[in-house]
N, C-alpha and C. Protein backbone atom coordinates (compact mmCIF):
# COMPACT_ATOMS: atom_id res chain seq x y z
N VAL A 1 138.92 38.18 109.49
CA VAL A 1 138.00 37.14 109.26
C VAL A 1 136.57 37.54 110.03
N VAL A 2 135.69 37.88 109.25
CA VAL A 2 134.17 37.90 109.96
C VAL A 2 133.17 36.78 109.55
N GLY A 3 132.33 36.59 110.36
CA GLY A 3 131.17 35.62 110.20
C GLY A 3 130.18 36.19 110.84
N ALA A 4 128.77 36.07 110.65
CA ALA A 4 127.68 36.67 111.22
C ALA A 4 126.57 35.85 111.13
N LEU A 5 126.72 34.34 110.70
CA LEU A 5 125.54 33.69 110.47
C LEU A 5 126.10 32.22 110.71
N MET A 6 125.45 31.52 111.37
CA MET A 6 125.79 30.15 111.87
C MET A 6 125.16 29.04 111.07
N THR A 7 125.87 27.82 111.16
CA THR A 7 125.41 26.71 110.26
C THR A 7 124.19 26.27 110.92
N HIS A 8 124.02 25.92 112.20
CA HIS A 8 123.07 25.47 112.77
C HIS A 8 121.61 26.05 112.67
N PRO A 9 120.63 25.34 112.73
CA PRO A 9 119.05 26.00 112.79
C PRO A 9 118.85 26.58 114.29
N GLU A 10 117.95 27.40 114.19
CA GLU A 10 117.52 28.31 115.28
C GLU A 10 118.45 29.36 115.60
N PHE A 11 119.14 29.97 114.90
CA PHE A 11 119.99 30.93 115.11
C PHE A 11 119.62 32.31 114.99
N LEU A 12 118.77 32.42 114.03
CA LEU A 12 118.18 33.89 113.82
C LEU A 12 116.61 33.81 114.02
N GLU A 13 116.00 34.98 114.45
CA GLU A 13 114.74 34.88 114.93
C GLU A 13 113.93 34.05 114.18
N CYS A 14 114.19 34.35 112.75
CA CYS A 14 112.87 33.54 111.81
C CYS A 14 113.38 32.12 111.77
N GLU A 15 114.03 31.64 112.47
CA GLU A 15 114.39 30.11 112.71
C GLU A 15 114.08 29.64 113.96
N GLY A 16 113.48 30.70 114.85
CA GLY A 16 113.27 30.22 116.30
C GLY A 16 114.34 30.59 117.40
N GLY A 17 115.23 31.16 116.62
CA GLY A 17 116.61 31.65 117.44
C GLY A 17 116.60 32.99 118.17
N PHE A 18 117.52 33.52 118.74
CA PHE A 18 117.69 34.55 119.68
C PHE A 18 118.21 35.81 118.95
N LEU A 19 119.01 35.74 117.51
CA LEU A 19 119.48 36.87 116.98
C LEU A 19 118.53 37.22 116.02
N SER A 20 118.55 38.78 115.89
CA SER A 20 117.79 39.60 115.02
C SER A 20 117.78 39.19 113.72
N ASP A 21 116.95 38.87 112.97
CA ASP A 21 117.08 38.73 111.37
C ASP A 21 118.21 39.79 110.76
N SER A 22 118.02 40.97 110.92
CA SER A 22 118.76 41.74 110.37
C SER A 22 120.34 42.04 110.97
N ALA A 23 120.62 41.65 111.96
CA ALA A 23 121.94 41.57 112.49
C ALA A 23 122.91 40.98 111.69
N PRO A 24 122.84 39.92 110.95
CA PRO A 24 123.83 39.57 110.05
C PRO A 24 124.25 40.45 108.97
N LYS A 25 123.16 40.94 108.43
CA LYS A 25 123.32 42.06 107.34
C LYS A 25 124.39 43.20 107.81
N ARG A 26 123.72 43.65 108.83
CA ARG A 26 124.63 44.99 109.55
C ARG A 26 125.96 44.54 109.60
N ALA A 27 126.07 43.42 110.46
CA ALA A 27 127.72 43.15 110.73
C ALA A 27 128.48 43.16 109.50
N MET A 28 127.89 42.41 108.57
CA MET A 28 128.69 41.95 107.26
C MET A 28 128.92 43.52 106.54
N SER A 29 127.83 44.11 106.46
CA SER A 29 127.98 45.50 105.87
C SER A 29 128.86 46.49 106.51
N ILE A 30 129.02 46.36 107.77
CA ILE A 30 130.33 47.00 108.49
C ILE A 30 131.57 46.70 108.22
N ALA A 31 131.70 45.29 108.27
CA ALA A 31 132.73 44.41 107.85
C ALA A 31 133.56 45.02 106.67
N ARG A 32 132.47 45.10 105.54
CA ARG A 32 133.15 44.98 104.20
C ARG A 32 133.50 46.90 104.38
N GLU A 33 132.44 47.50 104.84
CA GLU A 33 133.16 49.06 105.02
C GLU A 33 134.54 49.22 105.62
N GLU A 34 134.92 48.53 106.52
CA GLU A 34 136.05 48.43 107.21
C GLU A 34 137.19 47.83 106.59
N GLY A 35 136.94 47.14 105.45
CA GLY A 35 137.89 46.49 104.59
C GLY A 35 138.12 44.99 104.47
N VAL A 36 137.34 44.20 105.35
CA VAL A 36 137.13 42.89 105.55
C VAL A 36 137.15 42.31 104.29
N ARG A 37 137.91 41.58 104.01
CA ARG A 37 137.84 40.55 102.70
C ARG A 37 137.66 39.08 102.84
N ALA A 38 137.66 38.60 104.10
CA ALA A 38 137.67 37.31 104.62
C ALA A 38 136.34 37.25 105.32
N PHE A 39 135.43 36.12 104.82
CA PHE A 39 134.37 35.96 105.62
C PHE A 39 134.00 34.40 105.96
N VAL A 40 133.27 34.32 107.02
CA VAL A 40 132.95 32.57 107.22
C VAL A 40 131.54 32.86 106.84
N VAL A 41 131.22 31.80 105.84
CA VAL A 41 129.77 31.96 105.38
C VAL A 41 129.15 30.29 105.72
N PRO A 42 128.10 29.98 106.12
CA PRO A 42 127.75 28.67 106.41
C PRO A 42 127.46 28.10 105.14
N GLY A 43 128.03 26.58 104.92
CA GLY A 43 127.55 25.82 103.95
C GLY A 43 126.22 25.26 104.07
N THR A 44 125.41 25.37 105.04
CA THR A 44 124.21 24.93 105.11
C THR A 44 122.99 25.98 104.83
N LYS A 45 123.50 27.34 104.58
CA LYS A 45 122.66 28.47 104.39
C LYS A 45 123.28 29.29 103.10
N LEU A 46 123.63 28.73 102.39
CA LEU A 46 124.66 29.53 101.39
C LEU A 46 123.96 30.68 100.61
N GLU A 47 122.75 30.46 100.20
CA GLU A 47 122.02 31.61 99.47
C GLU A 47 121.83 32.61 100.56
N ARG A 48 121.44 32.50 101.97
CA ARG A 48 121.34 33.59 102.75
C ARG A 48 122.61 34.16 103.10
N ALA A 49 123.44 33.16 103.17
CA ALA A 49 124.87 34.01 103.61
C ALA A 49 125.43 34.57 102.48
N THR A 50 125.49 34.07 101.10
CA THR A 50 126.22 35.00 100.24
C THR A 50 125.40 36.23 99.93
N SER A 51 124.16 36.41 100.17
CA SER A 51 123.59 37.80 99.99
C SER A 51 124.18 38.78 100.79
N LEU A 52 124.54 38.40 102.09
CA LEU A 52 125.21 39.35 103.03
C LEU A 52 126.45 39.83 102.42
N VAL A 53 127.41 39.11 101.75
CA VAL A 53 128.79 39.55 101.10
C VAL A 53 128.74 40.10 99.71
N GLN A 54 127.58 40.53 99.36
CA GLN A 54 127.66 40.76 97.83
C GLN A 54 128.06 42.47 97.82
N PRO A 55 128.61 42.56 96.58
CA PRO A 55 129.24 42.14 95.82
C PRO A 55 130.47 41.25 96.17
N VAL A 56 130.71 40.11 95.35
CA VAL A 56 132.10 39.32 95.81
C VAL A 56 133.15 40.00 94.77
N GLY A 57 134.26 40.36 95.57
CA GLY A 57 135.24 40.63 94.45
C GLY A 57 136.24 39.60 94.31
N VAL A 58 137.26 39.83 93.74
CA VAL A 58 138.17 38.81 93.28
C VAL A 58 139.38 38.63 94.68
N GLU A 59 139.29 39.44 95.51
CA GLU A 59 140.01 39.41 96.54
C GLU A 59 139.39 38.68 97.81
N THR A 60 137.96 38.54 97.54
CA THR A 60 137.28 38.14 98.71
C THR A 60 137.46 36.66 98.94
N ARG A 61 137.73 36.21 100.16
CA ARG A 61 137.80 34.80 100.28
C ARG A 61 136.67 34.17 101.42
N PHE A 62 136.31 32.96 101.41
CA PHE A 62 135.24 32.71 102.00
C PHE A 62 135.79 30.98 102.86
N LEU A 63 135.46 31.16 103.95
CA LEU A 63 135.59 29.97 104.95
C LEU A 63 134.33 29.31 105.05
N VAL A 64 134.19 27.99 104.84
CA VAL A 64 132.69 27.41 104.63
C VAL A 64 132.56 26.37 105.55
N PRO A 65 132.28 26.57 106.95
CA PRO A 65 131.58 25.32 107.68
C PRO A 65 130.41 24.88 107.50
N GLY A 66 130.20 23.47 107.88
CA GLY A 66 128.76 22.88 107.87
C GLY A 66 128.89 21.94 106.62
N ILE A 67 130.13 21.71 105.94
CA ILE A 67 130.22 20.77 104.95
C ILE A 67 130.32 19.29 105.41
N GLY A 68 129.50 18.40 104.98
CA GLY A 68 129.72 17.08 105.63
C GLY A 68 128.45 16.62 106.64
N ARG A 69 128.86 16.32 107.50
CA ARG A 69 128.01 16.11 108.76
C ARG A 69 126.66 16.92 108.89
N GLN A 70 126.95 18.22 108.72
CA GLN A 70 125.89 19.00 109.01
C GLN A 70 124.99 19.23 107.68
N GLY A 71 125.51 18.66 106.65
CA GLY A 71 124.45 18.57 105.46
C GLY A 71 124.99 19.48 104.31
N GLY A 72 126.07 20.58 104.69
CA GLY A 72 126.41 21.26 103.55
C GLY A 72 127.10 20.46 102.40
N MET A 73 127.26 20.77 101.21
CA MET A 73 127.69 19.99 100.06
C MET A 73 128.54 21.06 99.31
N ILE A 74 129.88 20.40 98.96
CA ILE A 74 130.78 21.03 98.17
C ILE A 74 130.25 21.39 96.91
N GLU A 75 129.31 20.65 96.32
CA GLU A 75 128.92 20.89 95.11
C GLU A 75 127.87 22.27 94.92
N ASP A 76 127.37 22.51 96.03
CA ASP A 76 126.28 23.66 96.29
C ASP A 76 127.07 24.80 96.47
N ILE A 77 128.51 25.02 96.94
CA ILE A 77 129.22 26.10 97.21
C ILE A 77 129.13 26.55 95.91
N ALA A 78 129.46 26.02 94.68
CA ALA A 78 129.82 26.63 93.39
C ALA A 78 128.44 27.33 93.05
N ALA A 79 127.35 27.06 93.22
CA ALA A 79 126.46 27.65 92.77
C ALA A 79 126.06 29.11 93.49
N PHE A 80 126.73 29.45 94.49
CA PHE A 80 126.26 30.63 95.25
C PHE A 80 127.89 31.46 95.39
N LEU A 81 129.02 30.95 95.20
CA LEU A 81 130.37 31.58 95.38
C LEU A 81 131.32 31.00 94.42
N PRO A 82 132.34 31.95 94.12
CA PRO A 82 133.34 31.51 93.08
C PRO A 82 134.14 30.39 94.19
N LEU A 83 134.06 29.14 93.44
CA LEU A 83 134.65 27.83 94.52
C LEU A 83 136.22 28.04 94.52
N ARG A 84 136.87 28.81 93.64
CA ARG A 84 138.34 28.92 93.87
C ARG A 84 138.59 30.06 95.03
N GLN A 85 137.64 30.75 95.41
CA GLN A 85 137.95 31.82 96.52
C GLN A 85 137.27 31.01 97.86
N CYS A 86 136.92 29.71 97.87
CA CYS A 86 136.33 28.96 99.14
C CYS A 86 137.24 28.09 99.66
N PHE A 87 137.20 27.84 100.93
CA PHE A 87 137.91 27.13 101.89
C PHE A 87 137.00 26.22 102.58
N PRO A 88 136.41 25.15 101.95
CA PRO A 88 135.36 24.45 102.92
C PRO A 88 135.95 23.85 103.99
N ILE A 89 135.36 23.92 105.18
CA ILE A 89 135.62 23.42 106.38
C ILE A 89 135.09 22.09 106.60
N ILE A 90 135.67 21.13 106.74
CA ILE A 90 134.93 19.79 106.89
C ILE A 90 135.85 19.03 108.43
N GLY A 91 135.15 18.92 109.15
CA GLY A 91 135.27 18.23 110.57
C GLY A 91 134.99 16.87 110.60
N THR A 92 134.19 16.76 111.50
CA THR A 92 133.51 15.37 111.82
C THR A 92 133.43 14.27 110.63
N ALA A 93 133.04 14.86 109.63
CA ALA A 93 132.89 13.73 108.36
C ALA A 93 134.29 13.49 107.90
N ILE A 94 135.46 13.89 108.22
CA ILE A 94 136.77 13.27 108.00
C ILE A 94 137.10 12.52 109.23
N TYR A 95 137.34 13.33 110.26
CA TYR A 95 138.17 12.91 111.77
C TYR A 95 137.32 11.72 112.28
N ALA A 96 136.05 11.52 112.08
CA ALA A 96 135.21 10.48 112.62
C ALA A 96 134.95 9.44 111.79
N ALA A 97 135.43 9.52 110.53
CA ALA A 97 135.36 8.38 109.57
C ALA A 97 136.10 7.34 109.96
N ALA A 98 135.63 5.99 109.36
CA ALA A 98 136.34 4.78 109.58
C ALA A 98 137.85 4.85 109.11
N ASP A 99 137.85 5.81 107.86
CA ASP A 99 139.28 5.86 107.36
C ASP A 99 139.22 7.14 107.04
N PRO A 100 139.75 7.96 107.89
CA PRO A 100 139.93 9.48 107.64
C PRO A 100 140.51 10.03 106.41
N GLY A 101 141.66 9.05 106.07
CA GLY A 101 142.34 9.73 104.81
C GLY A 101 141.68 9.54 103.71
N ARG A 102 140.80 8.32 103.54
CA ARG A 102 139.96 8.06 102.33
C ARG A 102 138.90 9.20 102.26
N ALA A 103 138.25 9.42 103.80
CA ALA A 103 137.12 10.54 103.53
C ALA A 103 137.69 11.93 103.00
N ALA A 104 138.94 12.19 103.54
CA ALA A 104 139.48 13.55 103.12
C ALA A 104 139.62 13.48 101.41
N ARG A 105 140.43 12.37 101.17
CA ARG A 105 140.51 12.28 99.55
C ARG A 105 139.23 12.42 98.84
N GLU A 106 138.13 11.68 99.17
CA GLU A 106 137.08 11.85 98.51
C GLU A 106 136.29 13.27 98.51
N PHE A 107 136.62 14.02 99.59
CA PHE A 107 135.93 15.56 99.65
C PHE A 107 136.96 16.28 98.75
N ALA A 108 138.36 16.04 98.51
CA ALA A 108 139.11 16.52 97.75
C ALA A 108 138.66 16.41 96.17
N ALA A 109 138.47 15.26 96.18
CA ALA A 109 138.17 14.97 94.67
C ALA A 109 136.75 15.63 94.36
N ARG A 110 135.73 15.79 94.98
CA ARG A 110 134.67 16.57 94.85
C ARG A 110 134.81 17.81 94.94
N TYR A 111 135.79 18.53 95.53
CA TYR A 111 136.09 19.83 95.31
C TYR A 111 136.75 20.18 94.04
N MET A 112 137.69 19.22 93.70
CA MET A 112 138.41 19.37 92.39
C MET A 112 137.40 19.20 91.37
N ALA A 113 136.36 18.17 91.34
CA ALA A 113 135.50 18.07 90.32
C ALA A 113 134.42 19.19 90.09
N ALA A 114 134.20 19.85 91.13
CA ALA A 114 133.27 21.04 91.15
C ALA A 114 133.94 22.49 90.64
N LEU A 115 135.36 22.06 90.46
CA LEU A 115 136.05 23.49 89.99
C LEU A 115 135.54 23.48 88.42
């Protein structure tokens, strides 16, 4: 599993961060050449992230953090990636909820509806 782009702002130089804007593309390109087929792509920057892992093959899998509290939406994933190949990562939006079980069921229902 390889990831080269983070969910938070100010990661890349163009966002005020420290990492070269070209570094994620180089890292992902090398990973694909080496046979990597599982990638972490931020749910808060899907358009930018998915351009790094194109073309998307049927064997490609995506772990997608940033869903929930950081602003990423399950419904938005489907606009950029095959949702059946994605594994949304949802943390505090579930475990810090007043009713974590209910929150998990709501996210699961949103995922299923987006399929």
